[in-house]
């Protein structure tokens, strides 16, 4: 069984509070991946960075004092065409921190033999969830397509890809 995990491809990371040039370029790549996985019977999982109005009082908010992905706002919604790609039966996980233990548990329960990741931001939420997936499924193939992830900082993006390679994740 195969799964595609779309990490935090939300308005606030593309063109909102923490948006950056180039993030919008992932949209057609991610949409194509979703369509391919769906056509081949793969599972689609979406994660949503999710914060409340109290964000600035959280540990993350004190270190990154930029309110973003507040539930119920436009910034929390999936970006562009990707917002139309969520179907009944897809898993949608709202996560209050970078990595999701809920995601890792769902991956482990389903025992996927291949899990591919795409989305934002390479050196923060993508790498956090990829490493949790590798821990949950140590014998499974974990893939990151470098064309389908991005960061506001290219040096950190490249460093995160190298870290993922070093823990035996297949980086395309």
C-alpha atoms as a PDB file:
ATOM      1  CA  UNK A   1       0.000   0.000   0.000  1.00  0.00           C
ATOM      2  CA  UNK A   2       1.141   3.488  -0.840  1.00  0.00           C
ATOM      3  CA  UNK A   3       0.366   6.886   0.652  1.00  0.00           C
ATOM      4  CA  UNK A   4       1.072  10.462  -0.304  1.00  0.00           C
ATOM      5  CA  UNK A   5       1.396  12.949   2.553  1.00  0.00           C
ATOM      6  CA  UNK A   6       0.793  16.593   1.639  1.00  0.00           C
ATOM      7  CA  UNK A   7       2.386  18.613   4.429  1.00  0.00           C
ATOM      8  CA  UNK A   8       0.943  22.038   5.283  1.00  0.00           C
ATOM      9  CA  UNK A   9       0.377  23.331   1.753  1.00  0.00           C
ATOM     10  CA  UNK A  10      -1.681  26.150   3.223  1.00  0.00           C
ATOM     11  CA  UNK A  11      -2.334  29.743   2.225  1.00  0.00           C
ATOM     12  CA  UNK A  12      -0.278  31.221   5.060  1.00  0.00           C
ATOM     13  CA  UNK A  13       2.822  29.330   3.862  1.00  0.00           C
ATOM     14  CA  UNK A  14       2.312  30.164   0.186  1.00  0.00           C
ATOM     15  CA  UNK A  15       1.066  33.743   0.000  1.00  0.00           C
ATOM     16  CA  UNK A  16       0.054  34.648   3.552  1.00  0.00           C
ATOM     17  CA  UNK A  17       1.733  35.471   6.850  1.00  0.00           C
ATOM     18  CA  UNK A  18       4.749  33.182   6.246  1.00  0.00           C
ATOM     19  CA  UNK A  19       4.477  32.906   2.464  1.00  0.00           C
ATOM     20  CA  UNK A  20       7.512  33.065   0.208  1.00  0.00           C
ATOM     21  CA  UNK A  21       8.309  33.353  -3.469  1.00  0.00           C
ATOM     22  CA  UNK A  22       8.356  29.996  -5.196  1.00  0.00           C
ATOM     23  CA  UNK A  23       5.962  28.192  -2.853  1.00  0.00           C
ATOM     24  CA  UNK A  24       3.139  28.671  -5.364  1.00  0.00           C
ATOM     25  CA  UNK A  25       5.171  26.762  -7.962  1.00  0.00           C
ATOM     26  CA  UNK A  26       4.577  23.501  -6.074  1.00  0.00           C
ATOM     27  CA  UNK A  27       0.824  23.623  -6.719  1.00  0.00           C
ATOM     28  CA  UNK A  28       0.751  21.810 -10.106  1.00  0.00           C
ATOM     29  CA  UNK A  29       3.375  19.280  -8.966  1.00  0.00           C
ATOM     30  CA  UNK A  30       1.438  18.427  -5.794  1.00  0.00           C
ATOM     31  CA  UNK A  31      -1.886  18.313  -7.679  1.00  0.00           C
ATOM     32  CA  UNK A  32      -0.381  15.882 -10.215  1.00  0.00           C
ATOM     33  CA  UNK A  33       0.978  13.673  -7.424  1.00  0.00           C
ATOM     34  CA  UNK A  34      -2.427  13.598  -5.713  1.00  0.00           C
ATOM     35  CA  UNK A  35      -4.096  12.627  -9.001  1.00  0.00           C
ATOM     36  CA  UNK A  36      -1.500   9.905  -9.681  1.00  0.00           C
ATOM     37  CA  UNK A  37      -1.805   8.388  -6.210  1.00  0.00           C
ATOM     38  CA  UNK A  38      -5.592   8.538  -6.345  1.00  0.00           C
ATOM     39  CA  UNK A  39      -5.643   6.876  -9.811  1.00  0.00           C
ATOM     40  CA  UNK A  40      -3.404   4.078  -8.531  1.00  0.00           C
ATOM     41  CA  UNK A  41      -5.425   3.427  -5.363  1.00  0.00           C
ATOM     42  CA  UNK A  42      -3.014   5.146  -2.978  1.00  0.00           C
ATOM     43  CA  UNK A  43      -4.075   6.907   0.181  1.00  0.00           C
ATOM     44  CA  UNK A  44      -3.912  10.697   0.410  1.00  0.00           C
ATOM     45  CA  UNK A  45      -3.115  12.318   3.743  1.00  0.00           C
ATOM     46  CA  UNK A  46      -3.116  16.055   4.370  1.00  0.00           C
ATOM     47  CA  UNK A  47      -1.573  17.760   7.374  1.00  0.00           C
ATOM     48  CA  UNK A  48      -2.656  21.228   8.399  1.00  0.00           C
ATOM     49  CA  UNK A  49      -0.582  23.440  10.641  1.00  0.00           C
ATOM     50  CA  UNK A  50      -3.278  24.509  13.077  1.00  0.00           C
ATOM     51  CA  UNK A  51      -3.132  27.225  15.703  1.00  0.00           C
ATOM     52  CA  UNK A  52      -5.591  29.106  17.876  1.00  0.00           C
ATOM     53  CA  UNK A  53      -5.950  32.722  18.818  1.00  0.00           C
ATOM     54  CA  UNK A  54      -3.526  32.051  21.705  1.00  0.00           C
ATOM     55  CA  UNK A  55      -0.672  31.212  19.302  1.00  0.00           C
ATOM     56  CA  UNK A  56       1.631  33.974  20.563  1.00  0.00           C
ATOM     57  CA  UNK A  57       1.434  32.442  24.071  1.00  0.00           C
ATOM     58  CA  UNK A  58       2.663  29.027  22.898  1.00  0.00           C
ATOM     59  CA  UNK A  59       6.292  27.872  22.903  1.00  0.00           C
ATOM     60  CA  UNK A  60       6.367  28.131  19.095  1.00  0.00           C
ATOM     61  CA  UNK A  61       4.673  31.533  19.101  1.00  0.00           C
ATOM     62  CA  UNK A  62       7.205  32.966  21.518  1.00  0.00           C
ATOM     63  CA  UNK A  63      10.048  31.964  19.170  1.00  0.00           C
ATOM     64  CA  UNK A  64       8.185  32.716  15.928  1.00  0.00           C
ATOM     65  CA  UNK A  65       5.901  35.634  16.803  1.00  0.00           C
ATOM     66  CA  UNK A  66       3.970  35.640  13.530  1.00  0.00           C
ATOM     67  CA  UNK A  67       0.376  34.446  13.888  1.00  0.00           C
ATOM     68  CA  UNK A  68      -0.342  31.978  11.083  1.00  0.00           C
ATOM     69  CA  UNK A  69      -2.611  29.076  10.194  1.00  0.00           C
ATOM     70  CA  UNK A  70      -5.168  30.134  12.789  1.00  0.00           C
ATOM     71  CA  UNK A  71      -8.094  27.729  12.519  1.00  0.00           C
ATOM     72  CA  UNK A  72     -11.070  29.329  10.808  1.00  0.00           C
ATOM     73  CA  UNK A  73      -9.022  31.854   8.817  1.00  0.00           C
ATOM     74  CA  UNK A  74      -8.148  31.897   5.116  1.00  0.00           C
ATOM     75  CA  UNK A  75      -4.512  31.319   6.055  1.00  0.00           C
ATOM     76  CA  UNK A  76      -5.426  27.927   7.540  1.00  0.00           C
ATOM     77  CA  UNK A  77      -7.005  26.658   4.307  1.00  0.00           C
ATOM     78  CA  UNK A  78      -5.175  24.582   1.719  1.00  0.00           C
ATOM     79  CA  UNK A  79      -3.774  26.669  -1.123  1.00  0.00           C
ATOM     80  CA  UNK A  80      -5.331  27.004  -4.575  1.00  0.00           C
ATOM     81  CA  UNK A  81      -6.223  23.840  -6.495  1.00  0.00           C
ATOM     82  CA  UNK A  82      -4.999  21.697  -3.617  1.00  0.00           C
ATOM     83  CA  UNK A  83      -8.016  22.838  -1.581  1.00  0.00           C
ATOM     84  CA  UNK A  84     -10.190  21.081  -4.175  1.00  0.00           C
ATOM     85  CA  UNK A  85      -8.200  17.833  -3.934  1.00  0.00           C
ATOM     86  CA  UNK A  86      -9.519  16.704  -0.553  1.00  0.00           C
ATOM     87  CA  UNK A  87     -12.016  13.884  -1.050  1.00  0.00           C
ATOM     88  CA  UNK A  88     -14.166  11.953   1.362  1.00  0.00           C
ATOM     89  CA  UNK A  89     -12.041   9.191   2.823  1.00  0.00           C
ATOM     90  CA  UNK A  90      -8.814  11.197   2.738  1.00  0.00           C
ATOM     91  CA  UNK A  91      -7.126  11.662   6.094  1.00  0.00           C
ATOM     92  CA  UNK A  92      -6.795  15.263   7.262  1.00  0.00           C
ATOM     93  CA  UNK A  93      -4.692  15.848  10.365  1.00  0.00           C
ATOM     94  CA  UNK A  94      -4.665  19.174  12.154  1.00  0.00           C
ATOM     95  CA  UNK A  95      -1.363  19.466  13.985  1.00  0.00           C
ATOM     96  CA  UNK A  96      -0.400  22.166  16.511  1.00  0.00           C
ATOM     97  CA  UNK A  97       3.345  21.564  16.216  1.00  0.00           C
ATOM     98  CA  UNK A  98       5.875  20.816  13.475  1.00  0.00           C
ATOM     99  CA  UNK A  99       5.730  17.011  13.616  1.00  0.00           C
ATOM    100  CA  UNK A 100       2.567  14.970  14.086  1.00  0.00           C
ATOM    101  CA  UNK A 101       2.554  11.916  16.310  1.00  0.00           C
ATOM    102  CA  UNK A 102      -0.986  11.280  15.057  1.00  0.00           C
ATOM    103  CA  UNK A 103       0.368  11.044  11.507  1.00  0.00           C
ATOM    104  CA  UNK A 104       3.101   8.626  12.599  1.00  0.00           C
ATOM    105  CA  UNK A 105       0.531   6.450  14.398  1.00  0.00           C
ATOM    106  CA  UNK A 106      -1.806   6.379  11.374  1.00  0.00           C
ATOM    107  CA  UNK A 107       1.076   5.444   9.069  1.00  0.00           C
ATOM    108  CA  UNK A 108       2.169   2.672  11.434  1.00  0.00           C
ATOM    109  CA  UNK A 109      -1.383   1.312  11.814  1.00  0.00           C
ATOM    110  CA  UNK A 110      -1.912   1.167   8.051  1.00  0.00           C
ATOM    111  CA  UNK A 111       1.530  -0.384   7.449  1.00  0.00           C
ATOM    112  CA  UNK A 112       2.142   1.411   4.184  1.00  0.00           C
ATOM    113  CA  UNK A 113       5.076  -0.018   2.254  1.00  0.00           C
ATOM    114  CA  UNK A 114       5.704   3.339   0.537  1.00  0.00           C
ATOM    115  CA  UNK A 115       5.043   6.840   1.854  1.00  0.00           C
ATOM    116  CA  UNK A 116       5.878   9.888  -0.222  1.00  0.00           C
ATOM    117  CA  UNK A 117       5.990  13.422   1.175  1.00  0.00           C
ATOM    118  CA  UNK A 118       5.449  16.792  -0.472  1.00  0.00           C
ATOM    119  CA  UNK A 119       4.582  20.268   0.762  1.00  0.00           C
ATOM    120  CA  UNK A 120       5.970  22.951   3.018  1.00  0.00           C
ATOM    121  CA  UNK A 121       8.335  23.858   4.654  1.00  0.00           C
ATOM    122  CA  UNK A 122      11.215  21.475   3.846  1.00  0.00           C
ATOM    123  CA  UNK A 123      13.420  22.305   6.835  1.00  0.00           C
ATOM    124  CA  UNK A 124      10.643  22.566   9.406  1.00  0.00           C
ATOM    125  CA  UNK A 125       7.429  20.554   9.079  1.00  0.00           C
ATOM    126  CA  UNK A 126       8.425  18.322   6.163  1.00  0.00           C
ATOM    127  CA  UNK A 127      11.638  17.035   7.763  1.00  0.00           C
ATOM    128  CA  UNK A 128       9.917  16.659  11.147  1.00  0.00           C
ATOM    129  CA  UNK A 129       7.172  14.456   9.716  1.00  0.00           C
ATOM    130  CA  UNK A 130       9.464  12.498   7.414  1.00  0.00           C
ATOM    131  CA  UNK A 131      11.654  11.481  10.345  1.00  0.00           C
ATOM    132  CA  UNK A 132       8.602  10.481  12.406  1.00  0.00           C
ATOM    133  CA  UNK A 133       7.382   8.401   9.446  1.00  0.00           C
ATOM    134  CA  UNK A 134      10.769   6.692   9.150  1.00  0.00           C
ATOM    135  CA  UNK A 135      10.628   5.861  12.867  1.00  0.00           C
ATOM    136  CA  UNK A 136       7.062   4.523  12.542  1.00  0.00           C
ATOM    137  CA  UNK A 137       7.826   2.494   9.398  1.00  0.00           C
ATOM    138  CA  UNK A 138      11.546   1.626   9.507  1.00  0.00           C
ATOM    139  CA  UNK A 139      11.273  -1.038   6.795  1.00  0.00           C
ATOM    140  CA  UNK A 140       9.073   1.002   4.445  1.00  0.00           C
ATOM    141  CA  UNK A 141      10.219   3.178   1.598  1.00  0.00           C
ATOM    142  CA  UNK A 142       9.959   6.831   2.603  1.00  0.00           C
ATOM    143  CA  UNK A 143      10.301   9.241  -0.325  1.00  0.00           C
ATOM    144  CA  UNK A 144      10.652  13.003  -0.680  1.00  0.00           C
ATOM    145  CA  UNK A 145      10.515  14.501  -4.152  1.00  0.00           C
ATOM    146  CA  UNK A 146      12.793  17.544  -3.965  1.00  0.00           C
ATOM    147  CA  UNK A 147      10.709  19.234  -6.692  1.00  0.00           C
ATOM    148  CA  UNK A 148       7.607  19.040  -4.475  1.00  0.00           C
ATOM    149  CA  UNK A 149       8.987  20.637  -1.306  1.00  0.00           C
ATOM    150  CA  UNK A 150      10.363  24.129  -0.674  1.00  0.00           C
ATOM    151  CA  UNK A 151      11.601  26.566   1.931  1.00  0.00           C
ATOM    152  CA  UNK A 152      12.018  30.314   2.247  1.00  0.00           C
ATOM    153  CA  UNK A 153      15.737  29.582   2.853  1.00  0.00           C
ATOM    154  CA  UNK A 154      17.366  27.549   0.068  1.00  0.00           C
ATOM    155  CA  UNK A 155      20.423  26.651   2.177  1.00  0.00           C
ATOM    156  CA  UNK A 156      18.176  25.173   4.884  1.00  0.00           C
ATOM    157  CA  UNK A 157      16.069  23.439   2.214  1.00  0.00           C
ATOM    158  CA  UNK A 158      19.190  21.726   0.828  1.00  0.00           C
ATOM    159  CA  UNK A 159      20.466  20.901   4.317  1.00  0.00           C
ATOM    160  CA  UNK A 160      17.136  19.299   5.259  1.00  0.00           C
ATOM    161  CA  UNK A 161      17.229  17.162   2.109  1.00  0.00           C
ATOM    162  CA  UNK A 162      20.725  15.993   3.096  1.00  0.00           C
ATOM    163  CA  UNK A 163      19.557  15.173   6.641  1.00  0.00           C
ATOM    164  CA  UNK A 164      16.695  13.119   5.211  1.00  0.00           C
ATOM    165  CA  UNK A 165      19.105  11.244   2.937  1.00  0.00           C
ATOM    166  CA  UNK A 166      21.305  10.518   5.956  1.00  0.00           C
ATOM    167  CA  UNK A 167      18.427   8.717   7.712  1.00  0.00           C
ATOM    168  CA  UNK A 168      17.851   6.575   4.617  1.00  0.00           C
ATOM    169  CA  UNK A 169      14.972   8.504   3.120  1.00  0.00           C
ATOM    170  CA  UNK A 170      14.907   8.373  -0.680  1.00  0.00           C
ATOM    171  CA  UNK A 171      15.222  11.936  -1.937  1.00  0.00           C
ATOM    172  CA  UNK A 172      14.377  12.254  -5.613  1.00  0.00           C
END
